[in-house]
Amino acid sequence: MHNDILVFGAANVDFIIKSEKLPQKGEEIGGGKFMQTVGGKGVNQSIAIARAGGNASFIGSVGGDIYSDKIVLGLMEAGVNTSNILFSSDLASGIALIMVGKEGGNMISLAEGANAYFSTEKVQDLNENLFKNAKMALIQMSIPLESVKAIINRCYEYELPIVVNLAPVHKLEVDIFEKIHTLVINETECEILTDSYPDSEESIEKAKEKLRELGVKQAVINLGKRGTYFYNQDESMLISSYEVEAVDGTSSGDSFIGYYMAKLCEEVSYEEAIKYGNAAGALAVTKFGTQDTIPMKEDVENLIKGNV
């Protein structure tokens, strides 16, 4: 299988409870609906790329427990290359505890497990042909920070454009940010990184200038219902989102990134790629769950056609 996009990241098993509302500190809420599924941002984004028609190879680590086969099988069934997955028999696979409220908001707690096995040594052991033969790379911040930096440096060494989804958010050094092709963040991550919450033209401009000071040449900022803001050295734009009824926003960001990446590999414009990402992210919030909510290409295209 040809691997246009290398996806480095976390693989988890998600334990999800949907309730009428999210609990406050010390509060117990009953009457919830439970679901167990495969997730992790790296896995979800790989599957989103595949459902968008792209070719993805997931590179991450799973444990020596009953969940590892389920994770790998889910990726294979989606059409993702799994030949570079690392196995750690001494560790449990990553676990995510997710609580979802009635309006689609969520709270997530992670136990990294085998995701922590993806060390800088493992990064250096990766075959150089992986980097030489790919078109783009994608990474999130759910594996050890030093491993993230090592992957960015290896991609830069082989002139492989890497998109970084800064979730969970970390403030990286300027020389690392400068090696990134595109930074993808949401409103909250933007505020943590720039001290500016992007809820107006003025605050977005302030955030953009701060990101540039940090070394970020190109960024995608997801603004929820207001759409997605994009800038690089040549242009900036706000691309509208799609109006849907939100049920669960857990996989919305992963769906956006997967479709965005797949379309970029088709060499469409940034505006077109973001339009597909927005549509995928919108459809993902209309269902409860994680992997199962990542939309199919036909559904995304139908939503776009209906909103042209």
Protein backbone atom coordinates (compact mmCIF):
# COMPACT_ATOMS: atom_id res chain seq x y z
CA MET A 1 0.00 0.00 0.00
CA HIS A 2 1.32 3.46 -0.90
CA ASN A 3 1.34 5.73 2.15
CA ASP A 4 0.78 9.36 1.17
CA ILE A 5 0.28 10.46 4.79
CA LEU A 6 2.20 9.25 7.83
CA VAL A 7 0.10 9.65 10.98
CA PHE A 8 2.07 9.60 14.22
CA GLY A 9 0.02 9.54 17.39
CA ALA A 10 -1.94 7.87 20.12
CA ALA A 11 -4.08 4.75 20.06
CA ASN A 12 -6.64 4.33 22.83
CA VAL A 13 -9.69 2.42 23.86
CA ASP A 14 -12.46 4.91 24.69
CA PHE A 15 -14.91 4.41 27.54
CA ILE A 16 -17.69 6.92 26.94
CA ILE A 17 -20.65 7.98 29.06
CA LYS A 18 -23.23 10.40 27.71
CA SER A 19 -25.37 12.15 30.33
CA GLU A 20 -27.87 15.00 30.51
CA LYS A 21 -25.07 17.26 31.68
CA LEU A 22 -21.39 17.17 32.57
CA PRO A 23 -20.73 16.70 36.30
CA GLN A 24 -19.35 19.44 38.52
CA LYS A 25 -16.53 18.76 40.99
CA GLY A 26 -17.69 16.14 43.49
CA GLU A 27 -21.03 15.59 41.69
CA GLU A 28 -22.37 12.15 40.71
CA ILE A 29 -24.75 11.94 37.73
CA GLY A 30 -26.79 8.85 36.88
CA GLY A 31 -28.85 7.82 33.88
CA GLY A 32 -26.00 7.88 31.40
CA LYS A 33 -25.55 5.91 28.19
CA PHE A 34 -22.31 3.87 27.93
CA MET A 35 -20.23 3.01 24.86
CA GLN A 36 -16.82 1.37 24.42
CA THR A 37 -14.94 1.99 21.18
CA VAL A 38 -11.48 2.34 19.68
CA GLY A 39 -10.08 5.86 19.57
CA GLY A 40 -7.05 8.02 20.19
CA LYS A 41 -6.34 11.07 18.06
CA GLY A 42 -3.78 9.27 15.90
CA VAL A 43 -6.14 6.38 15.19
CA ASN A 44 -9.16 8.62 14.61
CA GLN A 45 -7.30 10.93 12.25
CA SER A 46 -5.91 7.97 10.29
CA ILE A 47 -9.42 6.58 9.84
CA ALA A 48 -10.73 10.00 8.83
CA ILE A 49 -8.05 10.22 6.13
CA ALA A 50 -9.00 6.77 4.86
CA ARG A 51 -12.73 7.60 4.80
CA ALA A 52 -11.91 10.76 2.86
CA GLY A 53 -10.24 8.59 0.21
CA GLY A 54 -6.65 9.16 1.31
CA ASN A 55 -3.83 6.70 1.94
CA ALA A 56 -2.65 6.73 5.55
CA SER A 57 -0.15 4.77 7.59
CA PHE A 58 -0.62 4.86 11.37
CA ILE A 59 2.59 4.84 13.41
CA GLY A 60 2.00 4.46 17.12
CA SER A 61 2.18 2.01 20.01
CA VAL A 62 -0.30 -0.45 21.52
CA GLY A 63 -0.04 -2.66 24.61
CA GLY A 64 0.03 -6.36 25.31
CA ASP A 65 -3.60 -6.62 26.39
CA ILE A 66 -6.98 -7.60 24.96
CA TYR A 67 -7.45 -4.17 23.40
CA SER A 68 -4.44 -4.13 21.06
CA ASP A 69 -6.00 -6.49 18.50
CA LYS A 70 -9.18 -4.44 18.53
CA ILE A 71 -7.23 -1.25 17.80
CA VAL A 72 -5.24 -2.79 14.94
CA LEU A 73 -8.27 -4.53 13.43
CA GLY A 74 -10.26 -1.30 13.45
CA LEU A 75 -7.51 0.46 11.52
CA MET A 76 -7.15 -2.38 9.01
CA GLU A 77 -10.89 -2.51 8.38
CA ALA A 78 -10.81 1.21 7.61
CA GLY A 79 -8.04 0.71 5.05
CA VAL A 80 -5.17 2.17 7.12
CA ASN A 81 -1.68 0.67 6.85
CA THR A 82 -0.75 -0.88 10.22
CA SER A 83 2.64 -2.40 9.37
CA ASN A 84 4.58 0.18 11.41
CA ILE A 85 2.66 -0.14 14.68
CA LEU A 86 4.82 -0.79 17.76
CA PHE A 87 3.82 -3.38 20.38
CA SER A 88 4.74 -3.23 24.07
CA SER A 89 3.89 -6.44 25.89
CA ASP A 90 4.70 -4.93 29.30
CA LEU A 91 2.22 -2.05 29.10
CA ALA A 92 -1.53 -1.67 28.79
CA SER A 93 -2.97 0.04 25.73
CA GLY A 94 -3.94 3.68 26.16
CA ILE A 95 -7.30 4.36 27.82
CA ALA A 96 -9.56 7.42 27.50
CA LEU A 97 -12.44 8.14 29.85
CA ILE A 98 -14.87 10.46 28.07
CA MET A 99 -17.92 12.19 29.48
CA VAL A 100 -20.33 13.82 27.03
CA GLY A 101 -23.07 16.29 27.94
CA LYS A 102 -26.46 16.77 26.30
CA GLU A 103 -25.27 19.73 24.20
CA GLY A 104 -22.26 17.83 22.85
CA GLY A 105 -19.57 19.24 25.14
CA ASN A 106 -17.11 16.76 26.61
CA MET A 107 -14.52 16.11 29.31
CA ILE A 108 -11.67 13.66 28.66
CA SER A 109 -9.12 12.01 30.95
CA LEU A 110 -6.29 9.90 29.51
CA ALA A 111 -4.06 7.08 30.75
CA GLU A 112 -1.28 7.00 28.14
CA GLY A 113 -0.24 3.38 28.70
CA ALA A 114 1.65 2.04 25.67
CA ASN A 115 1.54 5.43 23.95
CA ALA A 116 4.44 6.38 26.25
CA TYR A 117 6.45 3.50 24.69
CA PHE A 118 6.90 5.59 21.51
CA SER A 119 10.26 6.98 22.65
CA THR A 120 12.83 9.11 20.84
CA GLU A 121 14.85 5.93 20.30
CA LYS A 122 11.88 4.34 18.54
CA VAL A 123 11.57 7.45 16.37
CA GLN A 124 15.21 7.22 15.32
CA ASP A 125 14.74 3.52 14.51
CA LEU A 126 12.04 4.27 11.92
CA ASN A 127 13.13 3.43 8.38
CA GLU A 128 14.15 6.52 6.41
CA ASN A 129 12.13 5.32 3.42
CA LEU A 130 8.95 6.02 5.40
CA PHE A 131 9.83 9.70 5.31
CA LYS A 132 11.24 9.72 1.78
CA ASN A 133 8.21 8.06 0.15
CA ALA A 134 5.39 9.99 1.86
CA LYS A 135 3.76 13.23 0.74
CA MET A 136 2.86 14.62 4.16
CA ALA A 137 2.99 13.76 7.86
CA LEU A 138 0.59 14.43 10.71
CA ILE A 139 1.17 14.35 14.45
CA GLN A 140 -0.66 15.25 17.66
CA MET A 141 0.68 15.82 21.17
CA SER A 142 -0.61 12.59 22.73
CA ILE A 143 2.75 10.81 22.70
CA PRO A 144 5.83 11.87 24.71
CA LEU A 145 6.82 15.48 23.97
CA GLU A 146 10.44 14.66 23.16
CA SER A 147 9.22 12.04 20.67
CA VAL A 148 7.01 14.65 19.00
CA LYS A 149 10.01 16.95 18.59
CA ALA A 150 12.12 14.07 17.25
CA ILE A 151 9.47 13.26 14.64
CA ILE A 152 9.24 16.90 13.58
CA ASN A 153 13.01 17.02 13.21
CA ARG A 154 13.12 13.82 11.15
CA CYS A 155 10.39 15.11 8.85
CA TYR A 156 12.29 18.37 8.45
CA GLU A 157 15.48 16.42 7.69
CA TYR A 158 13.75 14.65 4.80
CA GLU A 159 11.82 17.77 3.69
CA LEU A 160 8.51 16.08 4.49
CA PRO A 161 5.79 18.65 5.30
CA ILE A 162 4.35 17.94 8.75
CA VAL A 163 1.03 19.17 10.11
CA VAL A 164 0.91 19.43 13.91
CA ASN A 165 -2.38 19.20 15.79
CA LEU A 166 -1.36 20.85 19.06
CA ALA A 167 -3.66 18.78 21.26
CA PRO A 168 -3.13 18.55 24.16
CA VAL A 169 -1.59 22.02 23.88
CA HIS A 170 2.15 22.52 24.50
CA LYS A 171 4.28 25.60 23.97
CA LEU A 172 7.08 24.43 21.71
CA GLU A 173 10.37 26.19 21.03
CA VAL A 174 10.56 28.65 18.13
CA ASP A 175 13.01 26.46 16.22
CA ILE A 176 10.48 23.58 16.39
CA PHE A 177 7.52 25.72 15.32
CA GLU A 178 9.56 26.99 12.38
CA LYS A 179 9.93 23.43 11.06
CA ILE A 180 6.16 22.86 10.99
CA HIS A 181 4.23 23.10 7.73
CA THR A 182 0.86 23.84 9.39
CA LEU A 183 -0.27 24.21 12.99
CA VAL A 184 -3.87 23.13 13.70
CA ILE A 185 -5.48 24.38 16.93
CA ASN A 186 -8.93 25.09 18.34
CA GLU A 187 -10.16 28.17 20.22
CA THR A 188 -9.03 27.01 23.66
CA GLU A 189 -5.61 25.89 22.43
CA CYS A 190 -5.25 29.21 20.64
CA GLU A 191 -5.92 31.13 23.86
CA ILE A 192 -3.43 29.05 25.86
CA LEU A 193 -0.77 29.50 23.20
CA THR A 194 -1.30 33.20 22.44
CA ASP A 195 -3.22 34.66 25.43
CA SER A 196 -5.90 35.71 22.95
CA TYR A 197 -9.27 33.94 22.68
CA PRO A 198 -10.24 34.18 18.96
CA ASP A 199 -13.84 35.43 19.24
CA SER A 200 -13.53 38.65 17.19
CA GLU A 201 -11.57 40.02 14.23
CA GLU A 202 -9.34 41.95 16.60
CA SER A 203 -8.56 38.95 18.83
CA ILE A 204 -7.92 36.71 15.81
CA GLU A 205 -5.43 39.24 14.43
CA LYS A 206 -3.75 39.45 17.83
CA ALA A 207 -3.52 35.64 17.98
CA LYS A 208 -2.12 35.49 14.45
CA GLU A 209 0.64 37.97 15.25
CA LYS A 210 1.57 36.06 18.39
CA LEU A 211 1.69 32.78 16.47
CA ARG A 212 3.99 34.39 13.93
CA GLU A 213 6.25 35.57 16.76
CA LEU A 214 6.39 31.96 17.94
CA GLY A 215 7.59 30.87 14.49
CA VAL A 216 4.29 29.53 13.10
CA LYS A 217 4.23 30.41 9.39
CA GLN A 218 0.89 28.74 8.61
CA ALA A 219 -2.02 27.91 10.90
CA VAL A 220 -5.56 26.58 10.92
CA ILE A 221 -7.72 27.73 13.86
CA ASN A 222 -11.00 25.88 14.36
CA LEU A 223 -13.61 28.33 15.66
CA GLY A 224 -16.49 25.92 16.22
CA LYS A 225 -19.80 27.17 14.83
CA ARG A 226 -18.10 30.27 13.39
CA GLY A 227 -15.99 28.22 11.01
CA THR A 228 -12.23 27.98 10.49
CA TYR A 229 -9.60 30.70 10.21
CA PHE A 230 -6.53 30.14 8.04
CA TYR A 231 -3.40 32.16 7.43
CA ASN A 232 -0.02 31.82 5.79
CA GLN A 233 2.49 34.23 4.26
CA ASP A 234 0.29 34.86 1.20
CA GLU A 235 -3.30 34.95 2.44
CA SER A 236 -5.73 34.75 5.32
CA MET A 237 -9.41 33.77 5.30
CA LEU A 238 -12.36 32.67 7.41
CA ILE A 239 -14.23 29.69 5.96
CA SER A 240 -17.78 29.25 7.22
CA SER A 241 -18.93 26.13 9.03
CA TYR A 242 -22.15 24.14 8.48
CA GLU A 243 -25.22 24.36 10.69
CA VAL A 244 -26.06 21.03 12.33
CA GLU A 245 -27.57 19.83 15.58
CA ALA A 246 -24.72 18.90 17.93
CA VAL A 247 -24.90 15.61 19.83
CA ASP A 248 -21.25 14.80 20.64
CA GLY A 249 -18.19 16.81 19.60
CA THR A 250 -15.56 14.23 20.59
CA SER A 251 -14.33 13.32 17.09
CA SER A 252 -15.15 16.56 15.30
CA GLY A 253 -11.59 17.89 15.33
CA ASP A 254 -10.13 14.57 14.20
CA SER A 255 -12.65 14.34 11.36
CA PHE A 256 -11.76 17.86 10.26
CA ILE A 257 -8.03 17.17 10.19
CA GLY A 258 -8.39 13.84 8.39
CA TYR A 259 -10.41 15.32 5.55
CA TYR A 260 -8.24 18.43 5.41
CA MET A 261 -5.10 16.29 5.03
CA ALA A 262 -6.62 13.95 2.46
CA LYS A 263 -7.76 16.86 0.29
CA LEU A 264 -4.38 18.60 0.50
CA CYS A 265 -2.80 15.44 -0.91
CA GLU A 266 -5.15 15.83 -3.86
CA GLU A 267 -3.48 19.24 -4.37
CA VAL A 268 -6.65 21.31 -3.98
CA SER A 269 -6.57 24.85 -2.55
CA TYR A 270 -6.37 25.45 1.18
CA GLU A 271 -9.87 26.92 1.06
CA GLU A 272 -11.25 23.77 -0.59
CA ALA A 273 -9.45 21.48 1.86
CA ILE A 274 -10.82 23.44 4.82
CA LYS A 275 -14.31 23.37 3.34
CA TYR A 276 -14.17 19.56 3.34
CA GLY A 277 -12.72 19.58 6.84
CA ASN A 278 -15.52 21.82 8.10
CA ALA A 279 -18.17 19.58 6.57
CA ALA A 280 -16.61 16.44 8.06
CA GLY A 281 -16.29 18.07 11.47
CA ALA A 282 -19.92 19.22 11.34
CA LEU A 283 -21.25 15.77 10.46
CA ALA A 284 -19.14 14.18 13.21
CA VAL A 285 -20.98 16.11 15.95
CA THR A 286 -24.38 14.78 14.88
CA LYS A 287 -23.76 11.31 16.36
CA PHE A 288 -22.70 9.85 19.70
CA GLY A 289 -19.31 8.14 19.90
CA THR A 290 -15.84 8.50 18.46
CA GLN A 291 -14.67 6.30 15.57
CA ASP A 292 -18.21 5.51 14.42
CA THR A 293 -19.02 9.22 14.08
CA ILE A 294 -16.25 9.94 11.56
CA PRO A 295 -18.27 10.56 8.37
CA MET A 296 -18.02 8.81 5.02
CA LYS A 297 -16.82 10.72 1.96
CA GLU A 298 -20.21 10.53 0.22
CA ASP A 299 -21.97 12.13 3.20
CA VAL A 300 -19.41 14.94 3.38
CA GLU A 301 -19.77 15.64 -0.33
CA ASN A 302 -23.57 15.65 -0.06
CA LEU A 303 -23.41 18.18 2.79
CA ILE A 304 -21.13 20.44 0.76
CA LYS A 305 -23.34 20.21 -2.32
CA GLY A 306 -26.38 21.11 -0.25
CA ASN A 307 -24.67 24.18 1.14
CA VAL A 308 -23.00 25.62 -1.94
